[in-house]
Amino acid sequence: MRRSRIDIIIDVLEVAKMGVNKTSVVYRTNLNFKLADKYLELLQTQGLVENRVNKYITTDKGKIFLEKAKEITQQL
């Protein structure tokens, strides 16, 4: 079964809570580099992830979004 877009976003935000490089995002979320770039760029423009010295870190806004997204997906 394919993952939904929100499931991928949740995975990326969860991994980035620890502060990881792009390669770690790719391997831990089971994405390819092209898709990882797409989602990291989307999350950066929304202010949910920021890039600090080649480390992607979930922002406070991203952590709040992550918790709400998890609640919603659990209820579905």
PDB file of N, CA and C in Angstrom:
ATOM      1  N   MET A   1       0.836  -1.186   0.000  1.00  0.00           N
ATOM      2  CA  MET A   1       0.000   0.000   0.000  1.00  0.00           C
ATOM      3  C   MET A   1       0.881   1.251   0.000  1.00  0.00           C
ATOM      4  N   ARG A   2       0.513   2.222  -0.786  1.00  0.00           N
ATOM      5  CA  ARG A   2       1.263   3.468  -0.869  1.00  0.00           C
ATOM      6  C   ARG A   2       0.952   4.368   0.310  1.00  0.00           C
ATOM      7  N   ARG A   3       1.944   5.117   0.736  1.00  0.00           N
ATOM      8  CA  ARG A   3       1.740   6.074   1.821  1.00  0.00           C
ATOM      9  C   ARG A   3       1.112   7.344   1.271  1.00  0.00           C
ATOM     10  N   SER A   4       0.293   7.947   2.090  1.00  0.00           N
ATOM     11  CA  SER A   4      -0.293   9.219   1.685  1.00  0.00           C
ATOM     12  C   SER A   4       0.725  10.335   1.882  1.00  0.00           C
ATOM     13  N   ARG A   5       0.420  11.457   1.331  1.00  0.00           N
ATOM     14  CA  ARG A   5       1.310  12.617   1.444  1.00  0.00           C
ATOM     15  C   ARG A   5       1.495  13.025   2.903  1.00  0.00           C
ATOM     16  N   ILE A   6       0.426  12.992   3.670  1.00  0.00           N
ATOM     17  CA  ILE A   6       0.510  13.377   5.084  1.00  0.00           C
ATOM     18  C   ILE A   6       1.351  12.375   5.869  1.00  0.00           C
ATOM     19  N   ASP A   7       1.276  11.098   5.510  1.00  0.00           N
ATOM     20  CA  ASP A   7       2.100  10.086   6.179  1.00  0.00           C
ATOM     21  C   ASP A   7       3.590  10.342   5.935  1.00  0.00           C
ATOM     22  N   ILE A   8       3.931  10.740   4.727  1.00  0.00           N
ATOM     23  CA  ILE A   8       5.321  11.038   4.400  1.00  0.00           C
ATOM     24  C   ILE A   8       5.781  12.278   5.160  1.00  0.00           C
ATOM     25  N   ILE A   9       4.930  13.284   5.219  1.00  0.00           N
ATOM     26  CA  ILE A   9       5.265  14.506   5.952  1.00  0.00           C
ATOM     27  C   ILE A   9       5.485  14.200   7.427  1.00  0.00           C
ATOM     28  N   ILE A  10       4.622  13.375   8.000  1.00  0.00           N
ATOM     29  CA  ILE A  10       4.782  12.973   9.403  1.00  0.00           C
ATOM     30  C   ILE A  10       6.119  12.267   9.598  1.00  0.00           C
ATOM     31  N   ASP A  11       6.454  11.364   8.699  1.00  0.00           N
ATOM     32  CA  ASP A  11       7.724  10.638   8.800  1.00  0.00           C
ATOM     33  C   ASP A  11       8.919  11.593   8.747  1.00  0.00           C
ATOM     34  N   VAL A  12       8.890  12.528   7.815  1.00  0.00           N
ATOM     35  CA  VAL A  12      10.003  13.471   7.675  1.00  0.00           C
ATOM     36  C   VAL A  12      10.127  14.342   8.918  1.00  0.00           C
ATOM     37  N   LEU A  13       9.010  14.856   9.415  1.00  0.00           N
ATOM     38  CA  LEU A  13       9.051  15.692  10.618  1.00  0.00           C
ATOM     39  C   LEU A  13       9.546  14.911  11.828  1.00  0.00           C
ATOM     40  N   GLU A  14       9.133  13.677  11.933  1.00  0.00           N
ATOM     41  CA  GLU A  14       9.553  12.828  13.055  1.00  0.00           C
ATOM     42  C   GLU A  14      11.064  12.592  13.022  1.00  0.00           C
ATOM     43  N   VAL A  15      11.592  12.282  11.864  1.00  0.00           N
ATOM     44  CA  VAL A  15      13.029  12.036  11.722  1.00  0.00           C
ATOM     45  C   VAL A  15      13.821  13.317  11.980  1.00  0.00           C
ATOM     46  N   ALA A  16      13.312  14.446  11.489  1.00  0.00           N
ATOM     47  CA  ALA A  16      14.041  15.707  11.600  1.00  0.00           C
ATOM     48  C   ALA A  16      14.019  16.284  13.019  1.00  0.00           C
ATOM     49  N   LYS A  17      13.230  15.728  13.906  1.00  0.00           N
ATOM     50  CA  LYS A  17      13.231  16.209  15.291  1.00  0.00           C
ATOM     51  C   LYS A  17      14.616  16.068  15.904  1.00  0.00           C
ATOM     52  N   MET A  18      15.364  15.076  15.490  1.00  0.00           N
ATOM     53  CA  MET A  18      16.695  14.811  16.032  1.00  0.00           C
ATOM     54  C   MET A  18      17.772  15.664  15.376  1.00  0.00           C
ATOM     55  N   GLY A  19      17.472  16.290  14.257  1.00  0.00           N
ATOM     56  CA  GLY A  19      18.461  17.033  13.497  1.00  0.00           C
ATOM     57  C   GLY A  19      19.311  16.076  12.675  1.00  0.00           C
ATOM     58  N   VAL A  20      18.956  15.913  11.424  1.00  0.00           N
ATOM     59  CA  VAL A  20      19.623  14.926  10.569  1.00  0.00           C
ATOM     60  C   VAL A  20      19.988  15.546   9.225  1.00  0.00           C
ATOM     61  N   ASN A  21      20.923  14.904   8.518  1.00  0.00           N
ATOM     62  CA  ASN A  21      21.271  15.360   7.176  1.00  0.00           C
ATOM     63  C   ASN A  21      20.306  14.736   6.162  1.00  0.00           C
ATOM     64  N   LYS A  22      20.406  15.166   4.922  1.00  0.00           N
ATOM     65  CA  LYS A  22      19.466  14.716   3.887  1.00  0.00           C
ATOM     66  C   LYS A  22      19.543  13.205   3.669  1.00  0.00           C
ATOM     67  N   THR A  23      20.742  12.652   3.719  1.00  0.00           N
ATOM     68  CA  THR A  23      20.904  11.210   3.519  1.00  0.00           C
ATOM     69  C   THR A  23      20.147  10.423   4.587  1.00  0.00           C
ATOM     70  N   SER A  24      20.193  10.886   5.818  1.00  0.00           N
ATOM     71  CA  SER A  24      19.455  10.218   6.900  1.00  0.00           C
ATOM     72  C   SER A  24      17.956  10.307   6.676  1.00  0.00           C
ATOM     73  N   VAL A  25      17.507  11.454   6.199  1.00  0.00           N
ATOM     74  CA  VAL A  25      16.079  11.596   5.889  1.00  0.00           C
ATOM     75  C   VAL A  25      15.683  10.569   4.839  1.00  0.00           C
ATOM     76  N   VAL A  26      16.491  10.438   3.794  1.00  0.00           N
ATOM     77  CA  VAL A  26      16.194   9.504   2.708  1.00  0.00           C
ATOM     78  C   VAL A  26      16.091   8.079   3.242  1.00  0.00           C
ATOM     79  N   TYR A  27      17.087   7.637   3.989  1.00  0.00           N
ATOM     80  CA  TYR A  27      17.105   6.249   4.453  1.00  0.00           C
ATOM     81  C   TYR A  27      16.064   5.963   5.537  1.00  0.00           C
ATOM     82  N   ARG A  28      15.865   6.890   6.448  1.00  0.00           N
ATOM     83  CA  ARG A  28      14.932   6.643   7.560  1.00  0.00           C
ATOM     84  C   ARG A  28      13.469   6.762   7.156  1.00  0.00           C
ATOM     85  N   THR A  29      13.194   7.500   6.088  1.00  0.00           N
ATOM     86  CA  THR A  29      11.807   7.640   5.630  1.00  0.00           C
ATOM     87  C   THR A  29      11.500   6.793   4.413  1.00  0.00           C
ATOM     88  N   ASN A  30      12.514   6.101   3.907  1.00  0.00           N
ATOM     89  CA  ASN A  30      12.361   5.240   2.735  1.00  0.00           C
ATOM     90  C   ASN A  30      11.881   6.024   1.507  1.00  0.00           C
ATOM     91  N   LEU A  31      12.544   7.164   1.267  1.00  0.00           N
ATOM     92  CA  LEU A  31      12.278   7.987   0.091  1.00  0.00           C
ATOM     93  C   LEU A  31      13.519   8.004  -0.784  1.00  0.00           C
ATOM     94  N   ASN A  32      13.363   8.434  -2.021  1.00  0.00           N
ATOM     95  CA  ASN A  32      14.545   8.674  -2.840  1.00  0.00           C
ATOM     96  C   ASN A  32      14.935  10.152  -2.678  1.00  0.00           C
ATOM     97  N   PHE A  33      16.102  10.522  -3.194  1.00  0.00           N
ATOM     98  CA  PHE A  33      16.596  11.885  -2.990  1.00  0.00           C
ATOM     99  C   PHE A  33      15.698  12.931  -3.640  1.00  0.00           C
ATOM    100  N   LYS A  34      15.129  12.602  -4.775  1.00  0.00           N
ATOM    101  CA  LYS A  34      14.261  13.561  -5.470  1.00  0.00           C
ATOM    102  C   LYS A  34      13.016  13.872  -4.632  1.00  0.00           C
ATOM    103  N   LEU A  35      12.383  12.832  -4.098  1.00  0.00           N
ATOM    104  CA  LEU A  35      11.204  13.050  -3.259  1.00  0.00           C
ATOM    105  C   LEU A  35      11.569  13.720  -1.943  1.00  0.00           C
ATOM    106  N   ALA A  36      12.695  13.334  -1.365  1.00  0.00           N
ATOM    107  CA  ALA A  36      13.135  13.961  -0.113  1.00  0.00           C
ATOM    108  C   ALA A  36      13.338  15.456  -0.321  1.00  0.00           C
ATOM    109  N   ASP A  37      13.962  15.829  -1.425  1.00  0.00           N
ATOM    110  CA  ASP A  37      14.144  17.252  -1.742  1.00  0.00           C
ATOM    111  C   ASP A  37      12.803  17.968  -1.824  1.00  0.00           C
ATOM    112  N   LYS A  38      11.855  17.338  -2.508  1.00  0.00           N
ATOM    113  CA  LYS A  38      10.524  17.930  -2.683  1.00  0.00           C
ATOM    114  C   LYS A  38       9.857  18.192  -1.333  1.00  0.00           C
ATOM    115  N   TYR A  39       9.871  17.189  -0.465  1.00  0.00           N
ATOM    116  CA  TYR A  39       9.201  17.337   0.824  1.00  0.00           C
ATOM    117  C   TYR A  39       9.956  18.269   1.767  1.00  0.00           C
ATOM    118  N   LEU A  40      11.279  18.223   1.753  1.00  0.00           N
ATOM    119  CA  LEU A  40      12.054  19.127   2.604  1.00  0.00           C
ATOM    120  C   LEU A  40      11.855  20.578   2.174  1.00  0.00           C
ATOM    121  N   GLU A  41      11.793  20.813   0.871  1.00  0.00           N
ATOM    122  CA  GLU A  41      11.555  22.169   0.373  1.00  0.00           C
ATOM    123  C   GLU A  41      10.160  22.651   0.774  1.00  0.00           C
ATOM    124  N   LEU A  42       9.165  21.783   0.632  1.00  0.00           N
ATOM    125  CA  LEU A  42       7.801  22.127   1.031  1.00  0.00           C
ATOM    126  C   LEU A  42       7.743  22.475   2.513  1.00  0.00           C
ATOM    127  N   LEU A  43       8.352  21.645   3.338  1.00  0.00           N
ATOM    128  CA  LEU A  43       8.316  21.866   4.787  1.00  0.00           C
ATOM    129  C   LEU A  43       9.095  23.112   5.185  1.00  0.00           C
ATOM    130  N   GLN A  44      10.157  23.418   4.467  1.00  0.00           N
ATOM    131  CA  GLN A  44      10.918  24.637   4.754  1.00  0.00           C
ATOM    132  C   GLN A  44      10.113  25.877   4.410  1.00  0.00           C
ATOM    133  N   THR A  45       9.425  25.866   3.278  1.00  0.00           N
ATOM    134  CA  THR A  45       8.641  27.041   2.885  1.00  0.00           C
ATOM    135  C   THR A  45       7.474  27.281   3.839  1.00  0.00           C
ATOM    136  N   GLN A  46       6.991  26.218   4.463  1.00  0.00           N
ATOM    137  CA  GLN A  46       5.895  26.354   5.423  1.00  0.00           C
ATOM    138  C   GLN A  46       6.395  26.658   6.838  1.00  0.00           C
ATOM    139  N   GLY A  47       7.708  26.643   7.021  1.00  0.00           N
ATOM    140  CA  GLY A  47       8.279  26.951   8.332  1.00  0.00           C
ATOM    141  C   GLY A  47       8.222  25.794   9.316  1.00  0.00           C
ATOM    142  N   LEU A  48       8.074  24.574   8.816  1.00  0.00           N
ATOM    143  CA  LEU A  48       7.978  23.408   9.687  1.00  0.00           C
ATOM    144  C   LEU A  48       9.335  22.744   9.907  1.00  0.00           C
ATOM    145  N   VAL A  49      10.263  22.985   8.988  1.00  0.00           N
ATOM    146  CA  VAL A  49      11.625  22.436   9.080  1.00  0.00           C
ATOM    147  C   VAL A  49      12.585  23.552   8.686  1.00  0.00           C
ATOM    148  N   GLU A  50      13.735  23.589   9.341  1.00  0.00           N
ATOM    149  CA  GLU A  50      14.760  24.534   8.912  1.00  0.00           C
ATOM    150  C   GLU A  50      16.082  23.813   8.715  1.00  0.00           C
ATOM    151  N   ASN A  51      16.904  24.386   7.852  1.00  0.00           N
ATOM    152  CA  ASN A  51      18.196  23.797   7.506  1.00  0.00           C
ATOM    153  C   ASN A  51      19.283  24.600   8.211  1.00  0.00           C
ATOM    154  N   ARG A  52      19.953  23.960   9.157  1.00  0.00           N
ATOM    155  CA  ARG A  52      21.056  24.590   9.882  1.00  0.00           C
ATOM    156  C   ARG A  52      22.334  23.803   9.607  1.00  0.00           C
ATOM    157  N   VAL A  53      23.248  24.397   8.877  1.00  0.00           N
ATOM    158  CA  VAL A  53      24.545  23.785   8.567  1.00  0.00           C
ATOM    159  C   VAL A  53      24.366  22.337   8.097  1.00  0.00           C
ATOM    160  N   ASN A  54      23.562  22.167   7.041  1.00  0.00           N
ATOM    161  CA  ASN A  54      23.304  20.851   6.432  1.00  0.00           C
ATOM    162  C   ASN A  54      22.619  19.867   7.363  1.00  0.00           C
ATOM    163  N   LYS A  55      21.970  20.334   8.401  1.00  0.00           N
ATOM    164  CA  LYS A  55      21.152  19.496   9.282  1.00  0.00           C
ATOM    165  C   LYS A  55      19.721  20.020   9.211  1.00  0.00           C
ATOM    166  N   TYR A  56      18.798  19.130   8.962  1.00  0.00           N
ATOM    167  CA  TYR A  56      17.386  19.505   8.923  1.00  0.00           C
ATOM    168  C   TYR A  56      16.791  19.274  10.306  1.00  0.00           C
ATOM    169  N   ILE A  57      16.155  20.315  10.837  1.00  0.00           N
ATOM    170  CA  ILE A  57      15.624  20.263  12.194  1.00  0.00           C
ATOM    171  C   ILE A  57      14.165  20.716  12.162  1.00  0.00           C
ATOM    172  N   THR A  58      13.304  19.953  12.832  1.00  0.00           N
ATOM    173  CA  THR A  58      11.898  20.323  12.948  1.00  0.00           C
ATOM    174  C   THR A  58      11.778  21.532  13.868  1.00  0.00           C
ATOM    175  N   THR A  59      11.073  22.548  13.413  1.00  0.00           N
ATOM    176  CA  THR A  59      10.873  23.763  14.208  1.00  0.00           C
ATOM    177  C   THR A  59       9.782  23.517  15.245  1.00  0.00           C
ATOM    178  N   ASP A  60       9.592  24.484  16.138  1.00  0.00           N
ATOM    179  CA  ASP A  60       8.515  24.386  17.126  1.00  0.00           C
ATOM    180  C   ASP A  60       7.156  24.310  16.434  1.00  0.00           C
ATOM    181  N   LYS A  61       6.998  25.114  15.381  1.00  0.00           N
ATOM    182  CA  LYS A  61       5.763  25.070  14.587  1.00  0.00           C
ATOM    183  C   LYS A  61       5.580  23.689  13.975  1.00  0.00           C
ATOM    184  N   GLY A  62       6.681  23.086  13.517  1.00  0.00           N
ATOM    185  CA  GLY A  62       6.640  21.747  12.939  1.00  0.00           C
ATOM    186  C   GLY A  62       6.263  20.690  13.959  1.00  0.00           C
ATOM    187  N   LYS A  63       6.741  20.838  15.189  1.00  0.00           N
ATOM    188  CA  LYS A  63       6.408  19.875  16.247  1.00  0.00           C
ATOM    189  C   LYS A  63       4.922  19.937  16.600  1.00  0.00           C
ATOM    190  N   ILE A  64       4.382  21.147  16.631  1.00  0.00           N
ATOM    191  CA  ILE A  64       2.942  21.303  16.887  1.00  0.00           C
ATOM    192  C   ILE A  64       2.144  20.667  15.754  1.00  0.00           C
ATOM    193  N   PHE A  65       2.542  20.941  14.506  1.00  0.00           N
ATOM    194  CA  PHE A  65       1.881  20.348  13.346  1.00  0.00           C
ATOM    195  C   PHE A  65       1.966  18.828  13.394  1.00  0.00           C
ATOM    196  N   LEU A  66       3.122  18.305  13.765  1.00  0.00           N
ATOM    197  CA  LEU A  66       3.339  16.863  13.834  1.00  0.00           C
ATOM    198  C   LEU A  66       2.372  16.212  14.815  1.00  0.00           C
ATOM    199  N   GLU A  67       2.229  16.779  15.993  1.00  0.00           N
ATOM    200  CA  GLU A  67       1.317  16.212  16.994  1.00  0.00           C
ATOM    201  C   GLU A  67      -0.134  16.244  16.508  1.00  0.00           C
ATOM    202  N   LYS A  68      -0.542  17.351  15.912  1.00  0.00           N
ATOM    203  CA  LYS A  68      -1.916  17.448  15.410  1.00  0.00           C
ATOM    204  C   LYS A  68      -2.161  16.476  14.252  1.00  0.00           C
ATOM    205  N   ALA A  69      -1.176  16.341  13.372  1.00  0.00           N
ATOM    206  CA  ALA A  69      -1.313  15.417  12.246  1.00  0.00           C
ATOM    207  C   ALA A  69      -1.404  13.987  12.720  1.00  0.00           C
ATOM    208  N   LYS A  70      -0.637  13.638  13.741  1.00  0.00           N
ATOM    209  CA  LYS A  70      -0.700  12.282  14.301  1.00  0.00           C
ATOM    210  C   LYS A  70      -2.076  12.002  14.898  1.00  0.00           C
ATOM    211  N   GLU A  71      -2.619  12.987  15.613  1.00  0.00           N
ATOM    212  CA  GLU A  71      -3.953  12.826  16.202  1.00  0.00           C
ATOM    213  C   GLU A  71      -5.005  12.589  15.125  1.00  0.00           C
ATOM    214  N   ILE A  72      -4.933  13.375  14.070  1.00  0.00           N
ATOM    215  CA  ILE A  72      -5.918  13.252  12.991  1.00  0.00           C
ATOM    216  C   ILE A  72      -5.822  11.908  12.298  1.00  0.00           C
ATOM    217  N   THR A  73      -4.606  11.482  11.985  1.00  0.00           N
ATOM    218  CA  THR A  73      -4.447  10.194  11.284  1.00  0.00           C
ATOM    219  C   THR A  73      -4.846   9.015  12.152  1.00  0.00           C
ATOM    220  N   GLN A  74      -4.675   9.129  13.466  1.00  0.00           N
ATOM    221  CA  GLN A  74      -5.095   8.044  14.354  1.00  0.00           C
ATOM    222  C   GLN A  74      -6.604   7.924  14.402  1.00  0.00           C
ATOM    223  N   GLN A  75      -7.297   9.043  14.304  1.00  0.00           N
ATOM    224  CA  GLN A  75      -8.753   9.019  14.347  1.00  0.00           C
ATOM    225  C   GLN A  75      -9.378   8.549  13.038  1.00  0.00           C
ATOM    226  N   LEU A  76      -8.617   8.634  11.962  1.00  0.00           N
ATOM    227  CA  LEU A  76      -9.125   8.160  10.673  1.00  0.00           C
ATOM    228  C   LEU A  76      -8.913   6.672  10.598  1.00  0.00           C
TER     229      LEU A  76
END
